[in-house]
Amino acid sequence: MRLFKRDTPETTQQDSTDASPQGGTLPSAALADIPKDQRGGPYEELEDGRFIVVGRNIIMVTDATHLVDSGLWHEVQYASWDARTRQFRLVWSQPDRPALVGKTISDNPQSLMEKITHRVDDTIVATRRFVTSTGASVAATVRRRVDGELFSAVVTSGPISDADQEKAYELEAKLREELGMDS
């Protein structure tokens, strides 16, 4: 598969490296570290020299020379991008895994954000939500791993009370029951 190249003042001729429509040339050494079956998706360069690369089954972070981090799509909780600051943020489903944060070089990573949203949404089977009296959002979600196995998780947008935590776990159990999952 071929990634697309955008001509910029620094990169005006086609070469053997692949590039994103918006965000600089992916260095050959970094590209060589990306599994061949995961190439072809959009990517964006961050100001610190890292690249966010969308693969078929995984999202990857590279620097100029090699793959730095990666995760399967079901491991991604969400990604966001702030147009005013160009800040990209990817939050992992695992609460103790640090978020991936950086400023994009480009001012419109639309292709990257659309593909991330699509890939993450493809893993979501069902979600039930409620908002606590303090305004925190609580979501019980069932997602599908790349191997087809279903799993559930409860995610909150902030601290919640013990009573709301109990309500969240009850919501998760009800959702699992609705989908015929073993408790």
N, C-alpha and C. Protein backbone atom coordinates (compact mmCIF):
# COMPACT_ATOMS: atom_id res chain seq x y z
N MET A 1 0.82 -1.18 0.00
CA MET A 1 0.00 0.00 0.00
C MET A 1 0.87 1.25 0.00
N ARG A 2 0.34 2.31 -0.50
CA ARG A 2 1.08 3.56 -0.59
C ARG A 2 0.43 4.62 0.28
N LEU A 3 1.22 5.25 1.09
CA LEU A 3 0.75 6.42 1.82
C LEU A 3 0.86 7.60 0.88
N PHE A 4 0.15 8.66 1.16
CA PHE A 4 0.12 9.80 0.27
C PHE A 4 1.14 10.84 0.68
N LYS A 5 1.60 11.59 -0.28
CA LYS A 5 2.61 12.61 -0.03
C LYS A 5 2.02 13.98 -0.29
N ARG A 6 2.30 14.91 0.59
CA ARG A 6 1.90 16.30 0.39
C ARG A 6 3.15 17.12 0.13
N ASP A 7 3.12 17.90 -0.90
CA ASP A 7 4.27 18.77 -1.17
C ASP A 7 4.25 19.93 -0.20
N THR A 8 5.38 20.16 0.42
CA THR A 8 5.57 21.29 1.32
C THR A 8 6.83 22.02 0.87
N PRO A 9 7.10 23.20 1.39
CA PRO A 9 8.32 23.89 1.00
C PRO A 9 9.56 23.03 1.24
N GLU A 10 9.56 22.19 2.28
CA GLU A 10 10.71 21.36 2.58
C GLU A 10 10.75 20.10 1.72
N THR A 11 9.60 19.69 1.16
CA THR A 11 9.51 18.43 0.44
C THR A 11 8.73 18.66 -0.84
N THR A 12 9.42 18.97 -1.92
CA THR A 12 8.70 19.29 -3.14
C THR A 12 8.81 18.22 -4.21
N GLN A 13 9.67 17.24 -4.05
CA GLN A 13 9.74 16.21 -5.07
C GLN A 13 9.39 14.86 -4.46
N GLN A 14 8.82 13.99 -5.30
CA GLN A 14 8.47 12.66 -4.84
C GLN A 14 9.76 11.89 -4.57
N ASP A 15 9.76 11.14 -3.49
CA ASP A 15 10.90 10.27 -3.22
C ASP A 15 10.38 8.94 -2.73
N SER A 16 11.26 8.09 -2.23
CA SER A 16 10.84 6.74 -1.87
C SER A 16 10.18 6.66 -0.50
N THR A 17 10.17 7.74 0.25
CA THR A 17 9.48 7.71 1.54
C THR A 17 8.02 8.04 1.34
N ASP A 18 7.19 7.48 2.16
CA ASP A 18 5.77 7.76 2.09
C ASP A 18 5.45 8.94 2.97
N ALA A 19 4.36 9.63 2.66
CA ALA A 19 4.00 10.79 3.46
C ALA A 19 2.50 10.90 3.59
N SER A 20 2.10 11.60 4.62
CA SER A 20 0.69 11.84 4.90
C SER A 20 0.20 13.01 4.07
N PRO A 21 -1.11 13.05 3.78
CA PRO A 21 -1.61 14.21 3.09
C PRO A 21 -1.39 15.50 3.88
N GLN A 22 -1.26 15.40 5.18
CA GLN A 22 -1.12 16.59 6.01
C GLN A 22 -0.14 16.32 7.14
N GLY A 23 1.12 16.59 6.94
CA GLY A 23 1.98 16.49 8.09
C GLY A 23 3.37 15.97 7.88
N GLY A 24 4.04 16.26 6.82
CA GLY A 24 5.44 15.92 6.71
C GLY A 24 5.69 14.52 6.20
N THR A 25 6.95 14.26 5.92
CA THR A 25 7.38 12.99 5.36
C THR A 25 7.74 12.01 6.46
N LEU A 26 7.21 10.80 6.37
CA LEU A 26 7.56 9.76 7.32
C LEU A 26 8.95 9.24 6.95
N PRO A 27 9.91 9.34 7.85
CA PRO A 27 11.28 8.91 7.53
C PRO A 27 11.34 7.43 7.15
N SER A 28 12.22 7.12 6.21
CA SER A 28 12.36 5.75 5.73
C SER A 28 12.65 4.77 6.86
N ALA A 29 13.51 5.16 7.82
CA ALA A 29 13.85 4.26 8.92
C ALA A 29 12.62 3.95 9.77
N ALA A 30 11.77 4.94 10.00
CA ALA A 30 10.55 4.71 10.78
C ALA A 30 9.58 3.85 9.98
N LEU A 31 9.45 4.12 8.69
CA LEU A 31 8.56 3.33 7.84
C LEU A 31 8.99 1.87 7.82
N ALA A 32 10.29 1.62 7.80
CA ALA A 32 10.79 0.25 7.77
C ALA A 32 10.41 -0.52 9.04
N ASP A 33 10.18 0.20 10.14
CA ASP A 33 9.83 -0.43 11.41
C ASP A 33 8.34 -0.72 11.54
N ILE A 34 7.54 -0.22 10.60
CA ILE A 34 6.09 -0.43 10.63
C ILE A 34 5.77 -1.71 9.86
N PRO A 35 5.02 -2.64 10.47
CA PRO A 35 4.68 -3.87 9.76
C PRO A 35 4.02 -3.56 8.41
N LYS A 36 4.42 -4.29 7.38
CA LYS A 36 3.92 -4.01 6.02
C LYS A 36 2.41 -4.06 5.94
N ASP A 37 1.78 -4.95 6.69
CA ASP A 37 0.32 -5.06 6.60
C ASP A 37 -0.39 -3.93 7.36
N GLN A 38 0.36 -3.05 8.01
CA GLN A 38 -0.23 -1.92 8.74
C GLN A 38 0.05 -0.58 8.06
N ARG A 39 0.69 -0.61 6.92
CA ARG A 39 1.00 0.62 6.18
C ARG A 39 -0.19 1.02 5.32
N GLY A 40 -0.22 2.26 4.94
CA GLY A 40 -1.22 2.74 4.00
C GLY A 40 -2.22 3.71 4.58
N GLY A 41 -2.30 3.80 5.89
CA GLY A 41 -3.25 4.72 6.50
C GLY A 41 -2.66 6.10 6.67
N PRO A 42 -3.50 7.05 7.04
CA PRO A 42 -3.00 8.41 7.26
C PRO A 42 -2.10 8.49 8.49
N TYR A 43 -1.30 9.53 8.51
CA TYR A 43 -0.50 9.81 9.69
C TYR A 43 -0.22 11.30 9.77
N GLU A 44 0.18 11.71 10.94
CA GLU A 44 0.48 13.12 11.19
C GLU A 44 1.77 13.24 11.97
N GLU A 45 2.54 14.26 11.65
CA GLU A 45 3.76 14.55 12.40
C GLU A 45 3.42 15.49 13.54
N LEU A 46 4.03 15.23 14.69
CA LEU A 46 3.93 16.12 15.84
C LEU A 46 5.15 17.03 15.89
N GLU A 47 5.01 18.15 16.55
CA GLU A 47 6.11 19.12 16.62
C GLU A 47 7.39 18.55 17.22
N ASP A 48 7.26 17.53 18.09
CA ASP A 48 8.45 16.94 18.72
C ASP A 48 9.12 15.88 17.84
N GLY A 49 8.65 15.71 16.60
CA GLY A 49 9.28 14.77 15.68
C GLY A 49 8.66 13.39 15.65
N ARG A 50 7.71 13.13 16.53
CA ARG A 50 7.01 11.84 16.49
C ARG A 50 5.94 11.89 15.41
N PHE A 51 5.53 10.72 14.98
CA PHE A 51 4.44 10.58 14.02
C PHE A 51 3.37 9.68 14.62
N ILE A 52 2.10 10.04 14.42
CA ILE A 52 0.96 9.19 14.77
C ILE A 52 0.58 8.50 13.47
N VAL A 53 0.59 7.17 13.46
CA VAL A 53 0.36 6.40 12.24
C VAL A 53 -0.83 5.47 12.45
N VAL A 54 -1.81 5.55 11.56
CA VAL A 54 -3.00 4.71 11.62
C VAL A 54 -2.76 3.46 10.79
N GLY A 55 -2.80 2.31 11.47
CA GLY A 55 -2.71 1.03 10.78
C GLY A 55 -4.07 0.36 10.72
N ARG A 56 -4.14 -0.73 10.02
CA ARG A 56 -5.40 -1.46 9.89
C ARG A 56 -5.87 -1.97 11.25
N ASN A 57 -4.98 -2.60 12.02
CA ASN A 57 -5.33 -3.17 13.32
C ASN A 57 -4.75 -2.43 14.51
N ILE A 58 -3.82 -1.52 14.27
CA ILE A 58 -3.14 -0.85 15.37
C ILE A 58 -2.92 0.63 15.06
N ILE A 59 -2.73 1.39 16.14
CA ILE A 59 -2.26 2.76 16.01
C ILE A 59 -0.82 2.76 16.51
N MET A 60 0.03 3.48 15.81
CA MET A 60 1.45 3.45 16.12
C MET A 60 2.01 4.85 16.33
N VAL A 61 3.05 4.93 17.11
CA VAL A 61 3.79 6.17 17.32
C VAL A 61 5.23 5.86 16.93
N THR A 62 5.77 6.65 16.01
CA THR A 62 7.16 6.47 15.61
C THR A 62 7.92 7.77 15.87
N ASP A 63 9.23 7.63 15.92
CA ASP A 63 10.06 8.81 15.84
C ASP A 63 10.79 8.71 14.50
N ALA A 64 11.86 9.41 14.31
CA ALA A 64 12.54 9.41 13.02
C ALA A 64 13.18 8.07 12.67
N THR A 65 13.39 7.22 13.67
CA THR A 65 14.14 5.99 13.41
C THR A 65 13.40 4.69 13.67
N HIS A 66 12.39 4.71 14.55
CA HIS A 66 11.77 3.43 14.87
C HIS A 66 10.39 3.59 15.53
N LEU A 67 9.71 2.48 15.65
CA LEU A 67 8.43 2.43 16.32
C LEU A 67 8.64 2.64 17.81
N VAL A 68 7.92 3.60 18.40
CA VAL A 68 8.09 3.95 19.81
C VAL A 68 7.02 3.31 20.68
N ASP A 69 5.79 3.27 20.16
CA ASP A 69 4.66 2.74 20.93
C ASP A 69 3.57 2.32 19.95
N SER A 70 2.71 1.43 20.39
CA SER A 70 1.58 1.04 19.56
C SER A 70 0.50 0.44 20.44
N GLY A 71 -0.69 0.36 19.89
CA GLY A 71 -1.80 -0.26 20.60
C GLY A 71 -2.85 -0.73 19.63
N LEU A 72 -3.54 -1.78 19.99
CA LEU A 72 -4.66 -2.26 19.19
C LEU A 72 -5.81 -1.28 19.33
N TRP A 73 -6.72 -1.26 18.38
CA TRP A 73 -7.79 -0.27 18.39
C TRP A 73 -8.70 -0.40 19.60
N HIS A 74 -8.92 -1.60 20.10
CA HIS A 74 -9.78 -1.73 21.28
C HIS A 74 -9.10 -1.19 22.54
N GLU A 75 -7.82 -0.91 22.47
CA GLU A 75 -7.10 -0.33 23.60
C GLU A 75 -7.20 1.19 23.64
N VAL A 76 -7.77 1.79 22.60
CA VAL A 76 -7.92 3.25 22.52
C VAL A 76 -9.30 3.63 23.05
N GLN A 77 -9.34 4.50 24.02
CA GLN A 77 -10.62 5.00 24.53
C GLN A 77 -11.17 6.08 23.59
N TYR A 78 -10.34 7.07 23.29
CA TYR A 78 -10.74 8.11 22.34
C TYR A 78 -9.52 8.94 21.95
N ALA A 79 -9.69 9.71 20.88
CA ALA A 79 -8.68 10.68 20.47
C ALA A 79 -9.39 12.00 20.23
N SER A 80 -8.68 13.09 20.49
CA SER A 80 -9.25 14.41 20.23
C SER A 80 -8.17 15.31 19.66
N TRP A 81 -8.63 16.36 19.00
CA TRP A 81 -7.72 17.35 18.44
C TRP A 81 -8.34 18.72 18.61
N ASP A 82 -7.58 19.66 19.14
CA ASP A 82 -8.05 21.02 19.36
C ASP A 82 -7.50 21.91 18.24
N ALA A 83 -8.38 22.43 17.40
CA ALA A 83 -7.97 23.24 16.26
C ALA A 83 -7.25 24.53 16.67
N ARG A 84 -7.64 25.09 17.80
CA ARG A 84 -7.04 26.35 18.25
C ARG A 84 -5.58 26.16 18.62
N THR A 85 -5.28 25.08 19.33
CA THR A 85 -3.91 24.85 19.81
C THR A 85 -3.16 23.79 19.01
N ARG A 86 -3.88 23.07 18.12
CA ARG A 86 -3.35 21.94 17.34
C ARG A 86 -2.91 20.79 18.24
N GLN A 87 -3.45 20.73 19.45
CA GLN A 87 -3.07 19.65 20.36
C GLN A 87 -3.85 18.38 20.06
N PHE A 88 -3.10 17.30 19.85
CA PHE A 88 -3.64 15.96 19.64
C PHE A 88 -3.55 15.22 20.97
N ARG A 89 -4.59 14.48 21.30
CA ARG A 89 -4.59 13.71 22.55
C ARG A 89 -5.25 12.37 22.28
N LEU A 90 -4.55 11.30 22.61
CA LEU A 90 -5.09 9.96 22.50
C LEU A 90 -5.10 9.35 23.89
N VAL A 91 -6.28 8.93 24.34
CA VAL A 91 -6.44 8.36 25.67
C VAL A 91 -6.66 6.85 25.52
N TRP A 92 -5.87 6.10 26.26
CA TRP A 92 -5.94 4.64 26.22
C TRP A 92 -7.04 4.15 27.16
N SER A 93 -7.59 3.00 26.88
CA SER A 93 -8.61 2.39 27.74
C SER A 93 -8.04 2.01 29.10
N GLN A 94 -6.79 1.63 29.13
CA GLN A 94 -6.13 1.24 30.38
C GLN A 94 -5.83 2.51 31.18
N PRO A 95 -6.46 2.68 32.34
CA PRO A 95 -6.35 3.95 33.08
C PRO A 95 -4.93 4.35 33.47
N ASP A 96 -4.04 3.39 33.69
CA ASP A 96 -2.68 3.74 34.13
C ASP A 96 -1.71 3.95 32.96
N ARG A 97 -2.20 3.85 31.74
CA ARG A 97 -1.34 4.09 30.58
C ARG A 97 -1.42 5.58 30.23
N PRO A 98 -0.28 6.26 30.21
CA PRO A 98 -0.30 7.71 29.95
C PRO A 98 -0.86 8.03 28.58
N ALA A 99 -1.62 9.11 28.51
CA ALA A 99 -2.17 9.58 27.25
C ALA A 99 -1.04 10.00 26.32
N LEU A 100 -1.29 9.89 25.04
CA LEU A 100 -0.35 10.35 24.03
C LEU A 100 -0.78 11.78 23.67
N VAL A 101 0.11 12.73 23.91
CA VAL A 101 -0.23 14.13 23.72
C VAL A 101 0.87 14.81 22.91
N GLY A 102 0.49 15.66 21.97
CA GLY A 102 1.45 16.43 21.19
C GLY A 102 0.75 17.39 20.27
N LYS A 103 1.49 18.36 19.76
CA LYS A 103 0.95 19.35 18.81
C LYS A 103 1.25 18.88 17.39
N THR A 104 0.21 18.91 16.55
CA THR A 104 0.41 18.52 15.16
C THR A 104 1.12 19.63 14.40
N ILE A 105 1.87 19.23 13.40
CA ILE A 105 2.50 20.19 12.50
C ILE A 105 1.42 20.82 11.63
N SER A 106 0.55 19.97 11.09
CA SER A 106 -0.49 20.48 10.19
C SER A 106 -1.60 21.15 10.99
N ASP A 107 -2.37 21.97 10.31
CA ASP A 107 -3.47 22.66 10.97
C ASP A 107 -4.82 22.01 10.67
N ASN A 108 -4.80 20.81 10.08
CA ASN A 108 -6.05 20.12 9.82
C ASN A 108 -5.82 18.62 9.61
N PRO A 109 -5.69 17.85 10.68
CA PRO A 109 -5.48 16.41 10.55
C PRO A 109 -6.79 15.64 10.37
N GLN A 110 -7.66 16.14 9.50
CA GLN A 110 -8.99 15.56 9.32
C GLN A 110 -8.95 14.09 8.96
N SER A 111 -8.11 13.72 8.03
CA SER A 111 -8.03 12.32 7.60
C SER A 111 -7.62 11.41 8.76
N LEU A 112 -6.63 11.84 9.52
CA LEU A 112 -6.18 11.06 10.68
C LEU A 112 -7.30 10.91 11.69
N MET A 113 -7.95 11.99 12.04
CA MET A 113 -8.99 11.95 13.06
C MET A 113 -10.19 11.12 12.61
N GLU A 114 -10.57 11.23 11.34
CA GLU A 114 -11.68 10.43 10.84
C GLU A 114 -11.37 8.94 10.90
N LYS A 115 -10.15 8.58 10.52
CA LYS A 115 -9.76 7.16 10.51
C LYS A 115 -9.66 6.62 11.93
N ILE A 116 -9.11 7.39 12.86
CA ILE A 116 -9.05 6.95 14.26
C ILE A 116 -10.45 6.74 14.79
N THR A 117 -11.33 7.70 14.55
CA THR A 117 -12.72 7.57 15.01
C THR A 117 -13.37 6.33 14.45
N HIS A 118 -13.19 6.09 13.17
CA HIS A 118 -13.77 4.92 12.52
C HIS A 118 -13.23 3.63 13.13
N ARG A 119 -11.92 3.56 13.31
CA ARG A 119 -11.30 2.34 13.85
C ARG A 119 -11.76 2.06 15.28
N VAL A 120 -11.81 3.10 16.11
CA VAL A 120 -12.26 2.92 17.50
C VAL A 120 -13.74 2.55 17.52
N ASP A 121 -14.55 3.27 16.75
CA ASP A 121 -15.99 2.97 16.70
C ASP A 121 -16.26 1.54 16.26
N ASP A 122 -15.43 1.00 15.37
CA ASP A 122 -15.61 -0.38 14.91
C ASP A 122 -15.45 -1.40 16.03
N THR A 123 -14.77 -1.04 17.11
CA THR A 123 -14.59 -1.98 18.22
C THR A 123 -15.73 -1.92 19.23
N ILE A 124 -16.56 -0.89 19.15
CA ILE A 124 -17.64 -0.70 20.13
C ILE A 124 -18.88 -1.47 19.70
N VAL A 125 -19.33 -2.36 20.59
CA VAL A 125 -20.52 -3.15 20.33
C VAL A 125 -21.75 -2.45 20.90
N ALA A 126 -21.64 -1.97 22.13
CA ALA A 126 -22.77 -1.28 22.78
C ALA A 126 -22.25 -0.42 23.92
N THR A 127 -22.96 0.68 24.18
CA THR A 127 -22.60 1.59 25.27
C THR A 127 -23.87 2.08 25.95
N ARG A 128 -23.82 2.17 27.26
CA ARG A 128 -24.88 2.78 28.06
C ARG A 128 -24.22 3.84 28.92
N ARG A 129 -24.88 5.00 29.05
CA ARG A 129 -24.29 6.13 29.78
C ARG A 129 -25.27 6.72 30.80
N PHE A 130 -24.70 7.41 31.75
CA PHE A 130 -25.47 8.28 32.63
C PHE A 130 -24.55 9.37 33.13
N VAL A 131 -25.16 10.45 33.60
CA VAL A 131 -24.43 11.58 34.16
C VAL A 131 -24.75 11.65 35.64
N THR A 132 -23.72 11.79 36.46
CA THR A 132 -23.89 11.85 37.90
C THR A 132 -24.42 13.22 38.31
N SER A 133 -24.81 13.33 39.56
CA SER A 133 -25.32 14.61 40.07
C SER A 133 -24.23 15.70 40.08
N THR A 134 -22.96 15.28 40.05
CA THR A 134 -21.86 16.26 40.00
C THR A 134 -21.43 16.58 38.58
N GLY A 135 -22.10 15.96 37.58
CA GLY A 135 -21.81 16.26 36.19
C GLY A 135 -20.81 15.34 35.51
N ALA A 136 -20.29 14.35 36.25
CA ALA A 136 -19.36 13.40 35.63
C ALA A 136 -20.14 12.45 34.71
N SER A 137 -19.56 12.17 33.56
CA SER A 137 -20.15 11.22 32.62
C SER A 137 -19.63 9.82 32.94
N VAL A 138 -20.52 8.84 32.95
CA VAL A 138 -20.14 7.45 33.22
C VAL A 138 -20.64 6.61 32.05
N ALA A 139 -19.77 5.77 31.50
CA ALA A 139 -20.14 4.92 30.37
C ALA A 139 -19.73 3.48 30.65
N ALA A 140 -20.68 2.58 30.45
CA ALA A 140 -20.38 1.14 30.45
C ALA A 140 -20.38 0.74 28.97
N THR A 141 -19.31 0.12 28.54
CA THR A 141 -19.14 -0.19 27.13
C THR A 141 -18.70 -1.63 26.94
N VAL A 142 -19.24 -2.27 25.93
CA VAL A 142 -18.77 -3.59 25.49
C VAL A 142 -18.06 -3.37 24.17
N ARG A 143 -16.83 -3.89 24.09
CA ARG A 143 -16.02 -3.72 22.89
C ARG A 143 -15.52 -5.08 22.40
N ARG A 144 -15.10 -5.11 21.15
CA ARG A 144 -14.62 -6.33 20.53
C ARG A 144 -13.12 -6.19 20.26
N ARG A 145 -12.37 -7.19 20.75
CA ARG A 145 -10.93 -7.23 20.46
C ARG A 145 -10.73 -7.68 19.01
N VAL A 146 -9.52 -7.54 18.53
CA VAL A 146 -9.19 -7.93 17.16
C VAL A 146 -9.43 -9.43 16.93
N ASP A 147 -9.34 -10.24 18.00
CA ASP A 147 -9.58 -11.68 17.88
C ASP A 147 -11.07 -12.03 17.98
N GLY A 148 -11.92 -11.02 18.11
CA GLY A 148 -13.36 -11.23 18.16
C GLY A 148 -13.93 -11.35 19.57
N GLU A 149 -13.09 -11.49 20.56
CA GLU A 149 -13.56 -11.63 21.95
C GLU A 149 -14.15 -10.32 22.45
N LEU A 150 -15.29 -10.44 23.16
CA LEU A 150 -15.93 -9.26 23.75
C LEU A 150 -15.41 -9.02 25.16
N PHE A 151 -15.33 -7.76 25.55
CA PHE A 151 -14.99 -7.40 26.92
C PHE A 151 -15.74 -6.14 27.27
N SER A 152 -15.88 -5.89 28.56
CA SER A 152 -16.59 -4.70 28.99
C SER A 152 -15.70 -3.83 29.86
N ALA A 153 -16.07 -2.56 29.93
CA ALA A 153 -15.32 -1.61 30.74
C ALA A 153 -16.25 -0.49 31.18
N VAL A 154 -15.92 0.11 32.31
CA VAL A 154 -16.62 1.29 32.79
C VAL A 154 -15.61 2.43 32.79
N VAL A 155 -16.00 3.55 32.18
CA VAL A 155 -15.12 4.71 32.08
C VAL A 155 -15.87 5.92 32.61
N THR A 156 -15.18 6.74 33.40
CA THR A 156 -15.78 7.96 33.93
C THR A 156 -14.97 9.17 33.49
N SER A 157 -15.64 10.31 33.42
CA SER A 157 -14.95 11.54 33.02
C SER A 157 -14.36 12.28 34.22
N GLY A 158 -14.52 11.72 35.40
CA GLY A 158 -13.99 12.35 36.61
C GLY A 158 -14.34 11.51 37.81
N PRO A 159 -14.02 11.98 38.99
CA PRO A 159 -14.32 11.22 40.19
C PRO A 159 -15.84 11.05 40.37
N ILE A 160 -16.21 9.89 40.90
CA ILE A 160 -17.63 9.63 41.17
C ILE A 160 -17.79 9.07 42.58
N SER A 161 -18.98 9.18 43.11
CA SER A 161 -19.27 8.69 44.47
C SER A 161 -19.34 7.17 44.47
N ASP A 162 -19.29 6.61 45.66
CA ASP A 162 -19.44 5.15 45.80
C ASP A 162 -20.78 4.68 45.25
N ALA A 163 -21.84 5.46 45.49
CA ALA A 163 -23.17 5.10 44.99
C ALA A 163 -23.19 5.10 43.46
N ASP A 164 -22.55 6.11 42.84
CA ASP A 164 -22.49 6.15 41.38
C ASP A 164 -21.60 5.04 40.83
N GLN A 165 -20.57 4.70 41.56
CA GLN A 165 -19.71 3.58 41.13
C GLN A 165 -20.52 2.29 41.12
N GLU A 166 -21.31 2.08 42.15
CA GLU A 166 -22.17 0.89 42.22
C GLU A 166 -23.17 0.89 41.06
N LYS A 167 -23.75 2.05 40.78
CA LYS A 167 -24.70 2.19 39.66
C LYS A 167 -24.00 1.86 38.34
N ALA A 168 -22.76 2.31 38.18
CA ALA A 168 -22.00 2.04 36.96
C ALA A 168 -21.76 0.55 36.78
N TYR A 169 -21.39 -0.14 37.85
CA TYR A 169 -21.15 -1.58 37.76
C TYR A 169 -22.44 -2.35 37.49
N GLU A 170 -23.55 -1.86 38.03
CA GLU A 170 -24.85 -2.47 37.73
C GLU A 170 -25.20 -2.28 36.26
N LEU A 171 -24.91 -1.10 35.73
CA LEU A 171 -25.16 -0.82 34.32
C LEU A 171 -24.31 -1.74 33.43
N GLU A 172 -23.06 -1.91 33.82
CA GLU A 172 -22.17 -2.80 33.07
C GLU A 172 -22.70 -4.23 33.10
N ALA A 173 -23.13 -4.71 34.27
CA ALA A 173 -23.65 -6.07 34.39
C ALA A 173 -24.91 -6.25 33.53
N LYS A 174 -25.79 -5.26 33.53
CA LYS A 174 -27.01 -5.32 32.73
C LYS A 174 -26.67 -5.36 31.24
N LEU A 175 -25.71 -4.56 30.82
CA LEU A 175 -25.29 -4.54 29.43
C LEU A 175 -24.71 -5.88 29.02
N ARG A 176 -23.87 -6.45 29.87
CA ARG A 176 -23.29 -7.77 29.59
C ARG A 176 -24.39 -8.83 29.47
N GLU A 177 -25.37 -8.74 30.35
CA GLU A 177 -26.49 -9.68 30.32
C GLU A 177 -27.28 -9.53 29.01
N GLU A 178 -27.55 -8.28 28.62
CA GLU A 178 -28.29 -8.02 27.37
C GLU A 178 -27.59 -8.63 26.16
N LEU A 179 -26.27 -8.67 26.21
CA LEU A 179 -25.49 -9.18 25.08
C LEU A 179 -25.13 -10.66 25.23
N GLY A 180 -25.65 -11.30 26.29
CA GLY A 180 -25.39 -12.72 26.49
C GLY A 180 -23.98 -13.07 26.90
N MET A 181 -23.29 -12.11 27.53
CA MET A 181 -21.93 -12.36 27.97
C MET A 181 -21.95 -13.00 29.36
N ASP A 182 -20.99 -13.89 29.61
CA ASP A 182 -20.88 -14.48 30.94
C ASP A 182 -20.42 -13.42 31.92
N SER A 183 -20.97 -13.42 33.11
CA SER A 183 -20.62 -12.41 34.14
C SER A 183 -19.31 -12.73 34.79
